[in-house]
Amino acid sequence: MATRRRRRNPVRRSLHRLCSKSSAAALQREAHYGLAQRLYEGVELGSEGLVGLITYSAPIRRAFPTMRLKDVREFIAGDRFGPEYLPPAPNIL
């Protein structure tokens, strides 16, 4: 029986990086969903007992509509808080 020599190539670096980034994002997403679920189910608050802190967990969007941003800035600068609480520029993540 003849033996052949097999050549083994390592996984490409870009593929490895892609898989690593993808799994890290999945773990982070899972942690956020777990936290949201605990807040929805309720947290023990001493004498108040078990209290649900949120009613609905909406996904966080990176793109905030410009029109809404303008509305929020007007609300902050209005009578409720005042212009001293308004940052000079929007805080964009």
N, C-alpha and C. Protein backbone atom coordinates (compact mmCIF):
# COMPACT_ATOMS: atom_id res chain seq x y z
N MET A 1 0.83 -1.16 0.00
CA MET A 1 0.00 0.00 0.00
C MET A 1 0.89 1.24 0.00
N ALA A 2 0.61 2.12 -0.93
CA ALA A 2 1.42 3.32 -1.08
C ALA A 2 0.89 4.42 -0.15
N THR A 3 1.78 5.17 0.41
CA THR A 3 1.38 6.29 1.26
C THR A 3 1.62 7.59 0.52
N ARG A 4 0.71 8.48 0.73
CA ARG A 4 0.88 9.79 0.10
C ARG A 4 1.09 10.83 1.18
N ARG A 5 1.84 11.78 0.86
CA ARG A 5 2.09 12.86 1.79
C ARG A 5 0.97 13.91 1.65
N ARG A 6 0.32 14.24 2.76
CA ARG A 6 -0.76 15.22 2.73
C ARG A 6 -0.26 16.56 3.24
N ARG A 7 -0.65 17.58 2.57
CA ARG A 7 -0.26 18.92 2.97
C ARG A 7 -1.42 19.55 3.74
N ARG A 8 -1.16 20.03 4.93
CA ARG A 8 -2.20 20.65 5.75
C ARG A 8 -1.93 22.14 5.84
N ASN A 9 -2.90 22.90 5.40
CA ASN A 9 -2.77 24.35 5.45
C ASN A 9 -3.57 24.89 6.64
N PRO A 10 -3.02 25.86 7.35
CA PRO A 10 -3.78 26.46 8.45
C PRO A 10 -4.97 27.25 7.89
N VAL A 11 -5.94 27.51 8.75
CA VAL A 11 -7.10 28.31 8.36
C VAL A 11 -6.63 29.71 8.01
N ARG A 12 -7.19 30.25 6.96
CA ARG A 12 -6.80 31.61 6.57
C ARG A 12 -7.05 32.57 7.71
N ARG A 13 -6.18 33.56 7.87
CA ARG A 13 -6.30 34.52 8.97
C ARG A 13 -7.59 35.32 8.88
N SER A 14 -7.97 35.71 7.67
CA SER A 14 -9.18 36.52 7.54
C SER A 14 -10.42 35.73 7.94
N LEU A 15 -10.46 34.44 7.61
CA LEU A 15 -11.58 33.60 7.99
C LEU A 15 -11.62 33.44 9.51
N HIS A 16 -10.45 33.24 10.10
CA HIS A 16 -10.37 33.10 11.55
C HIS A 16 -10.85 34.38 12.24
N ARG A 17 -10.42 35.53 11.74
CA ARG A 17 -10.82 36.82 12.31
C ARG A 17 -12.32 37.01 12.19
N LEU A 18 -12.88 36.66 11.03
CA LEU A 18 -14.31 36.80 10.80
C LEU A 18 -15.10 35.93 11.79
N CYS A 19 -14.68 34.70 11.97
CA CYS A 19 -15.36 33.80 12.90
C CYS A 19 -15.25 34.32 14.33
N SER A 20 -14.09 34.83 14.68
CA SER A 20 -13.87 35.35 16.02
C SER A 20 -14.76 36.57 16.29
N LYS A 21 -14.82 37.49 15.33
CA LYS A 21 -15.66 38.68 15.49
C LYS A 21 -17.13 38.29 15.57
N SER A 22 -17.53 37.36 14.73
CA SER A 22 -18.91 36.94 14.70
C SER A 22 -19.33 36.30 16.02
N SER A 23 -18.48 35.45 16.58
CA SER A 23 -18.82 34.80 17.84
C SER A 23 -18.81 35.80 19.00
N ALA A 24 -17.91 36.77 18.97
CA ALA A 24 -17.88 37.80 20.02
C ALA A 24 -19.15 38.63 19.98
N ALA A 25 -19.61 38.99 18.79
CA ALA A 25 -20.85 39.75 18.65
C ALA A 25 -22.04 38.94 19.14
N ALA A 26 -22.06 37.65 18.85
CA ALA A 26 -23.16 36.79 19.30
C ALA A 26 -23.18 36.69 20.82
N LEU A 27 -22.02 36.58 21.44
CA LEU A 27 -21.96 36.50 22.90
C LEU A 27 -22.42 37.81 23.54
N GLN A 28 -22.04 38.93 22.94
CA GLN A 28 -22.45 40.22 23.47
C GLN A 28 -23.96 40.39 23.34
N ARG A 29 -24.50 39.99 22.19
CA ARG A 29 -25.94 40.06 21.98
C ARG A 29 -26.68 39.20 22.99
N GLU A 30 -26.16 38.00 23.23
CA GLU A 30 -26.77 37.09 24.19
C GLU A 30 -26.77 37.69 25.60
N ALA A 31 -25.69 38.37 25.97
CA ALA A 31 -25.60 39.00 27.28
C ALA A 31 -26.64 40.12 27.41
N HIS A 32 -26.80 40.92 26.33
CA HIS A 32 -27.78 42.00 26.36
C HIS A 32 -29.19 41.46 26.47
N TYR A 33 -29.49 40.39 25.71
CA TYR A 33 -30.83 39.81 25.76
C TYR A 33 -31.09 39.21 27.14
N GLY A 34 -30.08 38.62 27.75
CA GLY A 34 -30.23 38.05 29.09
C GLY A 34 -30.54 39.14 30.11
N LEU A 35 -29.85 40.25 30.02
CA LEU A 35 -30.09 41.37 30.93
C LEU A 35 -31.49 41.92 30.73
N ALA A 36 -31.90 42.10 29.49
CA ALA A 36 -33.24 42.61 29.19
C ALA A 36 -34.30 41.66 29.74
N GLN A 37 -34.08 40.36 29.61
CA GLN A 37 -35.04 39.39 30.10
C GLN A 37 -35.16 39.47 31.63
N ARG A 38 -34.04 39.62 32.32
CA ARG A 38 -34.08 39.73 33.79
C ARG A 38 -34.82 41.01 34.22
N LEU A 39 -34.59 42.11 33.50
CA LEU A 39 -35.29 43.36 33.83
C LEU A 39 -36.79 43.24 33.56
N TYR A 40 -37.15 42.48 32.53
CA TYR A 40 -38.56 42.28 32.20
C TYR A 40 -39.24 41.39 33.25
N GLU A 41 -38.57 40.32 33.64
CA GLU A 41 -39.15 39.38 34.61
C GLU A 41 -39.23 40.00 36.00
N GLY A 42 -38.30 40.85 36.32
CA GLY A 42 -38.36 41.55 37.59
C GLY A 42 -37.08 41.40 38.39
N VAL A 43 -36.84 42.38 39.23
CA VAL A 43 -35.66 42.43 40.09
C VAL A 43 -36.15 42.64 41.53
N GLU A 44 -35.54 41.98 42.46
CA GLU A 44 -35.91 42.11 43.87
C GLU A 44 -35.44 43.48 44.37
N LEU A 45 -36.39 44.31 44.82
CA LEU A 45 -36.05 45.65 45.29
C LEU A 45 -36.44 45.82 46.76
N GLY A 46 -35.81 45.07 47.60
CA GLY A 46 -36.00 45.20 49.05
C GLY A 46 -37.45 45.09 49.48
N SER A 47 -37.98 46.15 50.10
CA SER A 47 -39.34 46.11 50.65
C SER A 47 -40.41 46.09 49.56
N GLU A 48 -40.07 46.53 48.35
CA GLU A 48 -41.05 46.54 47.27
C GLU A 48 -41.25 45.16 46.65
N GLY A 49 -40.36 44.25 46.93
CA GLY A 49 -40.47 42.91 46.37
C GLY A 49 -39.97 42.83 44.94
N LEU A 50 -40.53 41.90 44.19
CA LEU A 50 -40.12 41.67 42.81
C LEU A 50 -40.79 42.71 41.91
N VAL A 51 -39.99 43.51 41.21
CA VAL A 51 -40.52 44.60 40.38
C VAL A 51 -39.96 44.46 38.98
N GLY A 52 -40.87 44.45 37.99
CA GLY A 52 -40.45 44.45 36.59
C GLY A 52 -40.06 45.87 36.20
N LEU A 53 -38.85 46.05 35.72
CA LEU A 53 -38.36 47.42 35.45
C LEU A 53 -38.59 47.87 34.02
N ILE A 54 -38.82 46.94 33.11
CA ILE A 54 -39.13 47.33 31.74
C ILE A 54 -40.33 46.52 31.28
N THR A 55 -41.07 47.06 30.31
CA THR A 55 -42.22 46.34 29.78
C THR A 55 -41.94 45.81 28.38
N TYR A 56 -41.00 46.43 27.68
CA TYR A 56 -40.69 46.01 26.31
C TYR A 56 -39.24 46.36 26.03
N SER A 57 -38.54 45.44 25.46
CA SER A 57 -37.13 45.68 25.13
C SER A 57 -37.00 45.84 23.63
N ALA A 58 -36.82 47.06 23.18
CA ALA A 58 -36.66 47.34 21.75
C ALA A 58 -35.19 47.22 21.38
N PRO A 59 -34.90 46.76 20.19
CA PRO A 59 -33.50 46.71 19.77
C PRO A 59 -32.91 48.11 19.69
N ILE A 60 -31.67 48.22 20.06
CA ILE A 60 -31.00 49.52 20.02
C ILE A 60 -30.52 49.76 18.59
N ARG A 61 -30.90 50.88 18.05
CA ARG A 61 -30.49 51.20 16.68
C ARG A 61 -29.38 52.24 16.73
N ARG A 62 -28.40 52.03 15.89
CA ARG A 62 -27.29 52.99 15.85
C ARG A 62 -27.71 54.25 15.12
N ALA A 63 -28.54 54.12 14.11
CA ALA A 63 -28.96 55.27 13.32
C ALA A 63 -30.20 55.87 13.95
N PHE A 64 -30.07 57.06 14.50
CA PHE A 64 -31.19 57.75 15.12
C PHE A 64 -31.70 58.77 14.11
N PRO A 65 -32.98 58.76 13.78
CA PRO A 65 -33.47 59.71 12.77
C PRO A 65 -33.14 61.15 13.14
N THR A 66 -32.71 61.91 12.17
CA THR A 66 -32.31 63.29 12.39
C THR A 66 -33.46 64.12 12.94
N MET A 67 -34.66 63.87 12.46
CA MET A 67 -35.81 64.63 12.94
C MET A 67 -36.04 64.37 14.43
N ARG A 68 -35.90 63.14 14.88
CA ARG A 68 -36.09 62.81 16.29
C ARG A 68 -34.99 63.45 17.13
N LEU A 69 -33.79 63.46 16.62
CA LEU A 69 -32.68 64.08 17.34
C LEU A 69 -32.97 65.56 17.58
N LYS A 70 -33.51 66.21 16.57
CA LYS A 70 -33.86 67.63 16.69
C LYS A 70 -34.95 67.81 17.76
N ASP A 71 -35.95 66.93 17.76
CA ASP A 71 -37.03 67.00 18.76
C ASP A 71 -36.49 66.81 20.18
N VAL A 72 -35.59 65.87 20.35
CA VAL A 72 -35.02 65.60 21.67
C VAL A 72 -34.21 66.80 22.15
N ARG A 73 -33.41 67.38 21.26
CA ARG A 73 -32.60 68.53 21.64
C ARG A 73 -33.48 69.72 22.02
N GLU A 74 -34.60 69.91 21.29
CA GLU A 74 -35.53 70.99 21.63
C GLU A 74 -36.18 70.75 23.00
N PHE A 75 -36.51 69.49 23.28
CA PHE A 75 -37.12 69.15 24.56
C PHE A 75 -36.16 69.44 25.72
N ILE A 76 -34.90 69.06 25.55
CA ILE A 76 -33.91 69.28 26.61
C ILE A 76 -33.68 70.78 26.82
N ALA A 77 -33.56 71.53 25.74
CA ALA A 77 -33.29 72.96 25.84
C ALA A 77 -34.51 73.75 26.29
N GLY A 78 -35.69 73.16 26.25
CA GLY A 78 -36.92 73.85 26.62
C GLY A 78 -37.03 74.13 28.11
N ASP A 79 -38.24 74.40 28.55
CA ASP A 79 -38.51 74.79 29.94
C ASP A 79 -38.18 73.69 30.95
N ARG A 80 -38.27 72.46 30.53
CA ARG A 80 -38.11 71.35 31.49
C ARG A 80 -36.71 71.29 32.09
N PHE A 81 -35.67 71.38 31.24
CA PHE A 81 -34.29 71.26 31.73
C PHE A 81 -33.50 72.55 31.57
N GLY A 82 -33.54 73.12 30.40
CA GLY A 82 -32.80 74.35 30.13
C GLY A 82 -31.59 74.12 29.25
N PRO A 83 -31.13 75.18 28.60
CA PRO A 83 -30.02 75.04 27.64
C PRO A 83 -28.70 74.61 28.28
N GLU A 84 -28.54 74.81 29.59
CA GLU A 84 -27.27 74.41 30.22
C GLU A 84 -27.11 72.89 30.26
N TYR A 85 -28.21 72.15 30.08
CA TYR A 85 -28.13 70.69 30.07
C TYR A 85 -27.98 70.12 28.65
N LEU A 86 -28.01 70.97 27.66
CA LEU A 86 -27.90 70.52 26.27
C LEU A 86 -26.44 70.49 25.85
N PRO A 87 -25.94 69.33 25.43
CA PRO A 87 -24.55 69.28 24.96
C PRO A 87 -24.41 70.08 23.65
N PRO A 88 -23.22 70.63 23.39
CA PRO A 88 -23.03 71.43 22.19
C PRO A 88 -23.29 70.65 20.91
N ALA A 89 -22.98 69.38 20.94
CA ALA A 89 -23.20 68.51 19.77
C ALA A 89 -23.84 67.22 20.24
N PRO A 90 -24.60 66.57 19.39
CA PRO A 90 -25.22 65.29 19.79
C PRO A 90 -24.15 64.25 20.13
N ASN A 91 -24.44 63.44 21.15
CA ASN A 91 -23.54 62.35 21.52
C ASN A 91 -23.88 61.14 20.67
N ILE A 92 -23.10 60.88 19.68
CA ILE A 92 -23.33 59.77 18.75
C ILE A 92 -22.40 58.63 19.12
N LEU A 93 -22.95 57.43 19.25
CA LEU A 93 -22.13 56.26 19.59
C LEU A 93 -21.33 55.80 18.42
